[in-house]
C-alpha cells in the first residue's frame, strides 16, 4: 500500500487558525517551523487558548508567506500586526478583545504545544476525519480539521480510517517511522480536551453530547492493531503525538512524501 503525506498544517499562533503549506522545515527542537511558535499568555502564566476562552474561536486569523504578518478579524473589525515588530500593539488589542491582560510569548525552537514532551507534529489519516465526521449530523472533514487541529494528514489507496493508530506502541516505547526523509517517533494517541466539542468558527458547544458520542464510537471502531493500553483511562483520543530528534534540524517535510514504517 502506498501511503503519503496529503496535507501539512501549521498554527503560527497557538489557539488560532492554521495555514496549509506545501513544505515545512524541522526546527532544532524537533518541531515544525513556525508551528505554535507564538502564544498569548495570561497573568497566571497559563496559555490563552480555546480550552479556557471559547471566544477565541470567533477570531479569524490569516498570515502572509513569512507567517509573521497576521490579520485578525472579529465582530466586523480587522486589524493587521507584525508579530515581531508590533508585539506591544498586538498585546493591547488582543487583551481588549479577550478581556484580560495578555502577553505574546515566543519559542522558535520547540514551539508551545500542550504536551511539552511531544514537540513533533500530530498525525492523522485523512479517512479518519471522514469517518468521524459521519458520527455527527451536518459535519464535514473541514469541521474535523478545525476541531482536532492535526499538523499532518496522510492518505493512500484504500487506507482505512484510524490507520494512524499503528504509529505508536505500548508506553514507554516509541515507534519509529518516516515521513519522507524525516525520521519520526510515534508516542501515543492524543487525549483530547474540550476544544473538539465546540464549533471551531463560532465556539458553540455540544459539550458532553459530543464527547459521549465520540467515546462510544471510538471504542467500537478501535482497530485491532491499536495499542489498547493507551485507552484504559478514556477513548476520547484522536491523532498521534510524535517526537522528531533534534539532529534532523533543517530537514524538509513535504506534501507527497511517502510514509514508511520501520
C-alpha atoms as a PDB file:
ATOM      1  CA  UNK A   1       0.000   0.000   0.000  1.00  0.00           C
ATOM      2  CA  UNK A   2       1.358   3.411  -0.984  1.00  0.00           C
ATOM      3  CA  UNK A   3       0.847   5.957   1.790  1.00  0.00           C
ATOM      4  CA  UNK A   4       1.888   9.600   1.614  1.00  0.00           C
ATOM      5  CA  UNK A   5       1.564  12.974   3.294  1.00  0.00           C
ATOM      6  CA  UNK A   6      -1.519  14.682   1.838  1.00  0.00           C
ATOM      7  CA  UNK A   7      -1.676  17.883   3.894  1.00  0.00           C
ATOM      8  CA  UNK A   8       0.575  19.921   6.198  1.00  0.00           C
ATOM      9  CA  UNK A   9      -0.997  22.491   8.505  1.00  0.00           C
ATOM     10  CA  UNK A  10       0.860  24.710  10.934  1.00  0.00           C
ATOM     11  CA  UNK A  11      -0.563  27.038  13.567  1.00  0.00           C
ATOM     12  CA  UNK A  12       1.746  30.065  13.922  1.00  0.00           C
ATOM     13  CA  UNK A  13      -0.126  31.379  16.984  1.00  0.00           C
ATOM     14  CA  UNK A  14      -1.403  28.823  19.458  1.00  0.00           C
ATOM     15  CA  UNK A  15      -5.237  28.571  19.510  1.00  0.00           C
ATOM     16  CA  UNK A  16      -5.700  30.466  16.235  1.00  0.00           C
ATOM     17  CA  UNK A  17      -6.320  29.386  12.638  1.00  0.00           C
ATOM     18  CA  UNK A  18      -3.836  27.236  10.794  1.00  0.00           C
ATOM     19  CA  UNK A  19      -2.078  27.618   7.458  1.00  0.00           C
ATOM     20  CA  UNK A  20      -1.748  24.810   4.917  1.00  0.00           C
ATOM     21  CA  UNK A  21       1.725  24.702   3.359  1.00  0.00           C
ATOM     22  CA  UNK A  22       3.328  22.514   0.663  1.00  0.00           C
ATOM     23  CA  UNK A  23       6.504  22.002   2.680  1.00  0.00           C
ATOM     24  CA  UNK A  24       7.978  22.912   6.035  1.00  0.00           C
ATOM     25  CA  UNK A  25      11.343  22.636   7.776  1.00  0.00           C
ATOM     26  CA  UNK A  26      12.129  20.878  11.039  1.00  0.00           C
ATOM     27  CA  UNK A  27      13.424  23.133  13.833  1.00  0.00           C
ATOM     28  CA  UNK A  28      16.345  22.475  16.170  1.00  0.00           C
ATOM     29  CA  UNK A  29      13.823  21.339  18.789  1.00  0.00           C
ATOM     30  CA  UNK A  30      12.149  18.815  16.508  1.00  0.00           C
ATOM     31  CA  UNK A  31       9.046  20.925  15.858  1.00  0.00           C
ATOM     32  CA  UNK A  32       7.607  22.141  12.571  1.00  0.00           C
ATOM     33  CA  UNK A  33       8.907  25.591  11.635  1.00  0.00           C
ATOM     34  CA  UNK A  34       6.560  28.303  12.966  1.00  0.00           C
ATOM     35  CA  UNK A  35       4.095  25.792  14.455  1.00  0.00           C
ATOM     36  CA  UNK A  36       2.770  27.193  17.769  1.00  0.00           C
ATOM     37  CA  UNK A  37       5.827  29.462  17.754  1.00  0.00           C
ATOM     38  CA  UNK A  38       3.769  32.221  19.374  1.00  0.00           C
ATOM     39  CA  UNK A  39       1.201  32.048  22.162  1.00  0.00           C
ATOM     40  CA  UNK A  40      -0.708  34.548  24.248  1.00  0.00           C
ATOM     41  CA  UNK A  41      -0.178  34.043  27.982  1.00  0.00           C
ATOM     42  CA  UNK A  42      -2.465  35.137  30.819  1.00  0.00           C
ATOM     43  CA  UNK A  43      -1.338  36.868  34.040  1.00  0.00           C
ATOM     44  CA  UNK A  44      -1.445  33.486  35.823  1.00  0.00           C
ATOM     45  CA  UNK A  45       1.125  32.106  33.368  1.00  0.00           C
ATOM     46  CA  UNK A  46      -1.341  29.834  31.565  1.00  0.00           C
ATOM     47  CA  UNK A  47      -1.944  29.916  27.838  1.00  0.00           C
ATOM     48  CA  UNK A  48      -4.856  31.878  26.462  1.00  0.00           C
ATOM     49  CA  UNK A  49      -6.359  29.110  24.362  1.00  0.00           C
ATOM     50  CA  UNK A  50      -9.634  27.543  23.321  1.00  0.00           C
ATOM     51  CA  UNK A  51      -9.791  25.380  26.421  1.00  0.00           C
ATOM     52  CA  UNK A  52     -10.016  28.435  28.669  1.00  0.00           C
ATOM     53  CA  UNK A  53     -11.508  31.070  26.356  1.00  0.00           C
ATOM     54  CA  UNK A  54     -14.225  29.939  23.944  1.00  0.00           C
ATOM     55  CA  UNK A  55     -14.381  33.436  22.437  1.00  0.00           C
ATOM     56  CA  UNK A  56     -11.078  32.800  20.664  1.00  0.00           C
ATOM     57  CA  UNK A  57     -12.963  30.572  18.197  1.00  0.00           C
ATOM     58  CA  UNK A  58     -14.734  33.650  16.808  1.00  0.00           C
ATOM     59  CA  UNK A  59     -11.467  35.345  15.843  1.00  0.00           C
ATOM     60  CA  UNK A  60     -10.244  34.579  12.330  1.00  0.00           C
ATOM     61  CA  UNK A  61      -6.523  34.840  11.632  1.00  0.00           C
ATOM     62  CA  UNK A  62      -4.668  34.771   8.331  1.00  0.00           C
ATOM     63  CA  UNK A  63      -0.932  35.028   7.722  1.00  0.00           C
ATOM     64  CA  UNK A  64       1.360  36.191   4.939  1.00  0.00           C
ATOM     65  CA  UNK A  65       4.040  33.978   3.386  1.00  0.00           C
ATOM     66  CA  UNK A  66       6.547  34.784   6.159  1.00  0.00           C
ATOM     67  CA  UNK A  67       3.987  33.680   8.770  1.00  0.00           C
ATOM     68  CA  UNK A  68       4.887  36.795  10.754  1.00  0.00           C
ATOM     69  CA  UNK A  69       2.294  39.260   9.431  1.00  0.00           C
ATOM     70  CA  UNK A  70      -1.071  38.318  10.924  1.00  0.00           C
ATOM     71  CA  UNK A  71      -4.501  39.720  10.055  1.00  0.00           C
ATOM     72  CA  UNK A  72      -7.211  39.240  12.698  1.00  0.00           C
ATOM     73  CA  UNK A  73     -10.939  39.665  12.115  1.00  0.00           C
ATOM     74  CA  UNK A  74     -13.601  39.706  14.827  1.00  0.00           C
ATOM     75  CA  UNK A  75     -17.041  41.292  15.067  1.00  0.00           C
ATOM     76  CA  UNK A  76     -16.585  43.270  11.880  1.00  0.00           C
ATOM     77  CA  UNK A  77     -13.180  44.664  12.871  1.00  0.00           C
ATOM     78  CA  UNK A  78      -9.991  43.730  11.014  1.00  0.00           C
ATOM     79  CA  UNK A  79      -6.511  44.536  12.275  1.00  0.00           C
ATOM     80  CA  UNK A  80      -3.070  43.566  10.969  1.00  0.00           C
ATOM     81  CA  UNK A  81       0.041  43.199  13.129  1.00  0.00           C
ATOM     82  CA  UNK A  82       3.620  42.123  12.558  1.00  0.00           C
ATOM     83  CA  UNK A  83       4.351  39.567  15.262  1.00  0.00           C
ATOM     84  CA  UNK A  84       7.953  40.735  15.731  1.00  0.00           C
ATOM     85  CA  UNK A  85       7.638  44.467  15.135  1.00  0.00           C
ATOM     86  CA  UNK A  86       4.228  45.292  16.655  1.00  0.00           C
ATOM     87  CA  UNK A  87       4.144  42.982  19.652  1.00  0.00           C
ATOM     88  CA  UNK A  88       3.005  45.628  22.161  1.00  0.00           C
ATOM     89  CA  UNK A  89       0.222  46.861  19.902  1.00  0.00           C
ATOM     90  CA  UNK A  90      -0.985  43.314  19.322  1.00  0.00           C
ATOM     91  CA  UNK A  91      -0.902  42.514  23.047  1.00  0.00           C
ATOM     92  CA  UNK A  92      -3.001  45.590  23.824  1.00  0.00           C
ATOM     93  CA  UNK A  93      -5.526  44.834  21.090  1.00  0.00           C
ATOM     94  CA  UNK A  94      -5.901  41.134  21.950  1.00  0.00           C
ATOM     95  CA  UNK A  95      -6.158  41.937  25.655  1.00  0.00           C
ATOM     96  CA  UNK A  96      -9.101  44.226  24.901  1.00  0.00           C
ATOM     97  CA  UNK A  97     -10.786  41.606  22.704  1.00  0.00           C
ATOM     98  CA  UNK A  98     -10.421  38.749  25.212  1.00  0.00           C
ATOM     99  CA  UNK A  99     -10.936  40.934  28.277  1.00  0.00           C
ATOM    100  CA  UNK A 100      -7.811  40.095  30.293  1.00  0.00           C
ATOM    101  CA  UNK A 101      -4.181  41.293  30.126  1.00  0.00           C
ATOM    102  CA  UNK A 102      -2.192  39.145  27.704  1.00  0.00           C
ATOM    103  CA  UNK A 103       1.449  38.919  26.700  1.00  0.00           C
ATOM    104  CA  UNK A 104       2.735  37.355  23.489  1.00  0.00           C
ATOM    105  CA  UNK A 105       5.460  34.784  24.082  1.00  0.00           C
ATOM    106  CA  UNK A 106       7.651  33.043  21.528  1.00  0.00           C
ATOM    107  CA  UNK A 107       9.572  29.777  21.291  1.00  0.00           C
ATOM    108  CA  UNK A 108      11.180  29.304  17.884  1.00  0.00           C
ATOM    109  CA  UNK A 109      12.913  26.054  18.801  1.00  0.00           C
ATOM    110  CA  UNK A 110      10.217  23.852  20.335  1.00  0.00           C
ATOM    111  CA  UNK A 111       7.029  25.793  19.746  1.00  0.00           C
ATOM    112  CA  UNK A 112       4.445  25.717  22.541  1.00  0.00           C
ATOM    113  CA  UNK A 113       2.420  22.507  22.262  1.00  0.00           C
ATOM    114  CA  UNK A 114       0.158  21.369  25.101  1.00  0.00           C
ATOM    115  CA  UNK A 115       2.364  18.303  25.522  1.00  0.00           C
ATOM    116  CA  UNK A 116       5.848  19.733  26.096  1.00  0.00           C
ATOM    117  CA  UNK A 117       7.394  16.281  25.631  1.00  0.00           C
ATOM    118  CA  UNK A 118       5.788  15.537  22.260  1.00  0.00           C
ATOM    119  CA  UNK A 119       7.043  18.542  20.314  1.00  0.00           C
ATOM    120  CA  UNK A 120       6.727  16.847  16.918  1.00  0.00           C
ATOM    121  CA  UNK A 121       3.718  17.106  14.587  1.00  0.00           C
ATOM    122  CA  UNK A 122       0.376  15.482  15.317  1.00  0.00           C
ATOM    123  CA  UNK A 123      -0.672  12.992  12.638  1.00  0.00           C
ATOM    124  CA  UNK A 124      -3.991  11.643  11.369  1.00  0.00           C
ATOM    125  CA  UNK A 125      -5.253   9.695   8.363  1.00  0.00           C
ATOM    126  CA  UNK A 126      -7.484  11.778   6.111  1.00  0.00           C
ATOM    127  CA  UNK A 127     -10.039   8.960   6.127  1.00  0.00           C
ATOM    128  CA  UNK A 128     -10.156   9.169   9.919  1.00  0.00           C
ATOM    129  CA  UNK A 129     -11.524  12.680   9.628  1.00  0.00           C
ATOM    130  CA  UNK A 130     -14.040  11.500   7.035  1.00  0.00           C
ATOM    131  CA  UNK A 131     -15.179   8.679   9.309  1.00  0.00           C
ATOM    132  CA  UNK A 132     -15.506  10.772  12.468  1.00  0.00           C
ATOM    133  CA  UNK A 133     -17.483  13.400  10.539  1.00  0.00           C
ATOM    134  CA  UNK A 134     -20.131  10.742   9.812  1.00  0.00           C
ATOM    135  CA  UNK A 135     -20.693  10.261  13.561  1.00  0.00           C
ATOM    136  CA  UNK A 136     -22.319  13.690  13.842  1.00  0.00           C
ATOM    137  CA  UNK A 137     -25.046  15.470  11.913  1.00  0.00           C
ATOM    138  CA  UNK A 138     -24.039  18.034   9.314  1.00  0.00           C
ATOM    139  CA  UNK A 139     -20.286  17.830   9.929  1.00  0.00           C
ATOM    140  CA  UNK A 140     -17.597  17.805   7.257  1.00  0.00           C
ATOM    141  CA  UNK A 141     -13.927  16.968   7.057  1.00  0.00           C
ATOM    142  CA  UNK A 142     -13.163  20.676   7.434  1.00  0.00           C
ATOM    143  CA  UNK A 143     -15.143  20.676  10.678  1.00  0.00           C
ATOM    144  CA  UNK A 144     -12.908  17.827  11.871  1.00  0.00           C
ATOM    145  CA  UNK A 145      -9.784  19.733  10.858  1.00  0.00           C
ATOM    146  CA  UNK A 146     -10.932  22.758  12.813  1.00  0.00           C
ATOM    147  CA  UNK A 147     -11.823  20.716  15.890  1.00  0.00           C
ATOM    148  CA  UNK A 148      -8.822  18.360  16.089  1.00  0.00           C
ATOM    149  CA  UNK A 149      -6.132  20.579  14.502  1.00  0.00           C
ATOM    150  CA  UNK A 150      -3.654  17.905  13.371  1.00  0.00           C
ATOM    151  CA  UNK A 151      -0.447  19.000  11.636  1.00  0.00           C
ATOM    152  CA  UNK A 152      -0.059  16.117   9.198  1.00  0.00           C
ATOM    153  CA  UNK A 153      -2.715  14.275   7.224  1.00  0.00           C
ATOM    154  CA  UNK A 154      -1.865  11.093   5.356  1.00  0.00           C
ATOM    155  CA  UNK A 155      -3.671   9.187   2.644  1.00  0.00           C
ATOM    156  CA  UNK A 156      -3.277   6.118   0.470  1.00  0.00           C
ATOM    157  CA  UNK A 157      -5.171   3.720  -1.742  1.00  0.00           C
ATOM    158  CA  UNK A 158      -7.829   2.102   0.458  1.00  0.00           C
ATOM    159  CA  UNK A 159      -6.125   3.463   3.583  1.00  0.00           C
ATOM    160  CA  UNK A 160      -8.603   2.710   6.384  1.00  0.00           C
ATOM    161  CA  UNK A 161      -9.824   5.194   8.952  1.00  0.00           C
ATOM    162  CA  UNK A 162      -7.705   5.192  12.113  1.00  0.00           C
ATOM    163  CA  UNK A 163      -4.667   3.785  10.301  1.00  0.00           C
ATOM    164  CA  UNK A 164      -2.581   6.259  12.308  1.00  0.00           C
ATOM    165  CA  UNK A 165      -3.265   4.053  15.360  1.00  0.00           C
ATOM    166  CA  UNK A 166      -0.496   1.760  14.133  1.00  0.00           C
ATOM    167  CA  UNK A 167       2.064   4.550  14.675  1.00  0.00           C
ATOM    168  CA  UNK A 168       2.535   4.104  18.431  1.00  0.00           C
ATOM    169  CA  UNK A 169       3.427   1.284  20.798  1.00  0.00           C
ATOM    170  CA  UNK A 170       2.938   0.413  24.448  1.00  0.00           C
ATOM    171  CA  UNK A 171       4.336   3.136  26.706  1.00  0.00           C
ATOM    172  CA  UNK A 172       7.163   3.988  27.267  1.00  0.00           C
ATOM    173  CA  UNK A 173       8.321   2.595  23.910  1.00  0.00           C
ATOM    174  CA  UNK A 174       8.312   4.928  20.917  1.00  0.00           C
ATOM    175  CA  UNK A 175       7.584   3.594  17.432  1.00  0.00           C
ATOM    176  CA  UNK A 176       9.885   4.844  14.646  1.00  0.00           C
ATOM    177  CA  UNK A 177       8.639   5.601  11.138  1.00  0.00           C
ATOM    178  CA  UNK A 178       9.490   8.001   8.331  1.00  0.00           C
ATOM    179  CA  UNK A 179       7.774  10.876   6.605  1.00  0.00           C
ATOM    180  CA  UNK A 180       9.967  11.161   3.527  1.00  0.00           C
ATOM    181  CA  UNK A 181      13.481  11.847   4.790  1.00  0.00           C
ATOM    182  CA  UNK A 182      12.304  12.772   8.289  1.00  0.00           C
ATOM    183  CA  UNK A 183      12.513  10.098  10.982  1.00  0.00           C
ATOM    184  CA  UNK A 184       9.624  10.372  13.428  1.00  0.00           C
ATOM    185  CA  UNK A 185       8.748   8.528  16.633  1.00  0.00           C
ATOM    186  CA  UNK A 186       5.109   7.911  17.499  1.00  0.00           C
ATOM    187  CA  UNK A 187       4.363   8.271  21.214  1.00  0.00           C
ATOM    188  CA  UNK A 188       0.643   7.947  21.929  1.00  0.00           C
ATOM    189  CA  UNK A 189      -2.862   8.807  20.730  1.00  0.00           C
ATOM    190  CA  UNK A 190      -3.599  12.392  21.730  1.00  0.00           C
ATOM    191  CA  UNK A 191      -6.000  12.809  24.634  1.00  0.00           C
ATOM    192  CA  UNK A 192      -8.484  15.482  23.650  1.00  0.00           C
ATOM    193  CA  UNK A 193      -9.734  18.475  25.610  1.00  0.00           C
ATOM    194  CA  UNK A 194     -12.955  20.467  25.423  1.00  0.00           C
ATOM    195  CA  UNK A 195     -11.997  22.171  22.136  1.00  0.00           C
ATOM    196  CA  UNK A 196     -13.273  19.437  19.756  1.00  0.00           C
ATOM    197  CA  UNK A 197     -16.728  19.695  21.357  1.00  0.00           C
ATOM    198  CA  UNK A 198     -17.036  23.258  20.026  1.00  0.00           C
ATOM    199  CA  UNK A 199     -17.750  24.667  16.604  1.00  0.00           C
ATOM    200  CA  UNK A 200     -14.307  25.905  15.589  1.00  0.00           C
ATOM    201  CA  UNK A 201     -15.747  29.024  13.921  1.00  0.00           C
ATOM    202  CA  UNK A 202     -18.338  30.135  16.479  1.00  0.00           C
ATOM    203  CA  UNK A 203     -17.450  28.477  19.777  1.00  0.00           C
ATOM    204  CA  UNK A 204     -20.920  26.925  20.005  1.00  0.00           C
ATOM    205  CA  UNK A 205     -20.566  23.921  22.262  1.00  0.00           C
ATOM    206  CA  UNK A 206     -22.040  20.416  22.031  1.00  0.00           C
ATOM    207  CA  UNK A 207     -20.267  19.521  25.274  1.00  0.00           C
ATOM    208  CA  UNK A 208     -20.895  16.082  26.744  1.00  0.00           C
ATOM    209  CA  UNK A 209     -23.222  15.191  23.875  1.00  0.00           C
ATOM    210  CA  UNK A 210     -20.230  15.332  21.523  1.00  0.00           C
ATOM    211  CA  UNK A 211     -17.792  13.665  23.907  1.00  0.00           C
ATOM    212  CA  UNK A 212     -20.087  10.794  24.835  1.00  0.00           C
ATOM    213  CA  UNK A 213     -20.965  10.052  21.211  1.00  0.00           C
ATOM    214  CA  UNK A 214     -17.297  10.224  20.237  1.00  0.00           C
ATOM    215  CA  UNK A 215     -16.201   7.893  23.061  1.00  0.00           C
ATOM    216  CA  UNK A 216     -18.878   5.308  22.229  1.00  0.00           C
ATOM    217  CA  UNK A 217     -17.974   5.202  18.544  1.00  0.00           C
ATOM    218  CA  UNK A 218     -14.226   5.339  19.138  1.00  0.00           C
ATOM    219  CA  UNK A 219     -14.467   2.324  21.422  1.00  0.00           C
ATOM    220  CA  UNK A 220     -16.383   0.241  18.887  1.00  0.00           C
ATOM    221  CA  UNK A 221     -14.184   1.259  15.921  1.00  0.00           C
ATOM    222  CA  UNK A 222     -10.772   0.967  17.607  1.00  0.00           C
ATOM    223  CA  UNK A 223      -8.608  -1.105  15.231  1.00  0.00           C
ATOM    224  CA  UNK A 224      -7.234  -4.443  16.405  1.00  0.00           C
ATOM    225  CA  UNK A 225      -3.713  -3.176  15.755  1.00  0.00           C
ATOM    226  CA  UNK A 226      -4.098  -0.189  18.107  1.00  0.00           C
ATOM    227  CA  UNK A 227      -2.184  -0.468  21.393  1.00  0.00           C
ATOM    228  CA  UNK A 228      -5.200  -0.622  23.693  1.00  0.00           C
ATOM    229  CA  UNK A 229      -3.258   0.209  26.863  1.00  0.00           C
ATOM    230  CA  UNK A 230      -3.405   3.884  25.895  1.00  0.00           C
ATOM    231  CA  UNK A 231      -7.214   3.802  26.084  1.00  0.00           C
ATOM    232  CA  UNK A 232      -7.618   2.371  29.571  1.00  0.00           C
ATOM    233  CA  UNK A 233      -8.419   5.805  31.007  1.00  0.00           C
ATOM    234  CA  UNK A 234     -10.532   7.128  28.119  1.00  0.00           C
ATOM    235  CA  UNK A 235     -11.372   6.575  24.454  1.00  0.00           C
ATOM    236  CA  UNK A 236     -11.512  10.341  23.992  1.00  0.00           C
ATOM    237  CA  UNK A 237      -8.306  10.249  21.955  1.00  0.00           C
ATOM    238  CA  UNK A 238      -7.567  11.040  18.318  1.00  0.00           C
ATOM    239  CA  UNK A 239      -4.450  11.844  16.231  1.00  0.00           C
ATOM    240  CA  UNK A 240      -0.952  10.687  17.159  1.00  0.00           C
ATOM    241  CA  UNK A 241       1.609  12.661  19.171  1.00  0.00           C
ATOM    242  CA  UNK A 242       5.208  12.408  17.978  1.00  0.00           C
ATOM    243  CA  UNK A 243       8.835  13.306  18.582  1.00  0.00           C
ATOM    244  CA  UNK A 244      11.412  14.293  15.983  1.00  0.00           C
ATOM    245  CA  UNK A 245      15.015  14.126  17.173  1.00  0.00           C
ATOM    246  CA  UNK A 246      16.911  17.458  17.125  1.00  0.00           C
ATOM    247  CA  UNK A 247      19.628  16.019  14.845  1.00  0.00           C
ATOM    248  CA  UNK A 248      17.149  16.395  11.970  1.00  0.00           C
ATOM    249  CA  UNK A 249      17.020  20.176  12.210  1.00  0.00           C
ATOM    250  CA  UNK A 250      16.723  21.696   8.748  1.00  0.00           C
ATOM    251  CA  UNK A 251      15.244  18.597   7.124  1.00  0.00           C
ATOM    252  CA  UNK A 252      12.215  19.280   4.947  1.00  0.00           C
ATOM    253  CA  UNK A 253       8.812  17.663   5.181  1.00  0.00           C
ATOM    254  CA  UNK A 254       6.719  17.883   2.001  1.00  0.00           C
ATOM    255  CA  UNK A 255       3.235  17.072   0.771  1.00  0.00           C
ATOM    256  CA  UNK A 256       3.627  13.880  -1.249  1.00  0.00           C
ATOM    257  CA  UNK A 257       6.379  12.424   0.954  1.00  0.00           C
ATOM    258  CA  UNK A 258       5.944   8.669   1.483  1.00  0.00           C
ATOM    259  CA  UNK A 259       5.017   7.335   4.913  1.00  0.00           C
ATOM    260  CA  UNK A 260       7.271   4.374   5.703  1.00  0.00           C
ATOM    261  CA  UNK A 261       7.082   2.048   8.695  1.00  0.00           C
ATOM    262  CA  UNK A 262      10.419   0.823  10.057  1.00  0.00           C
END
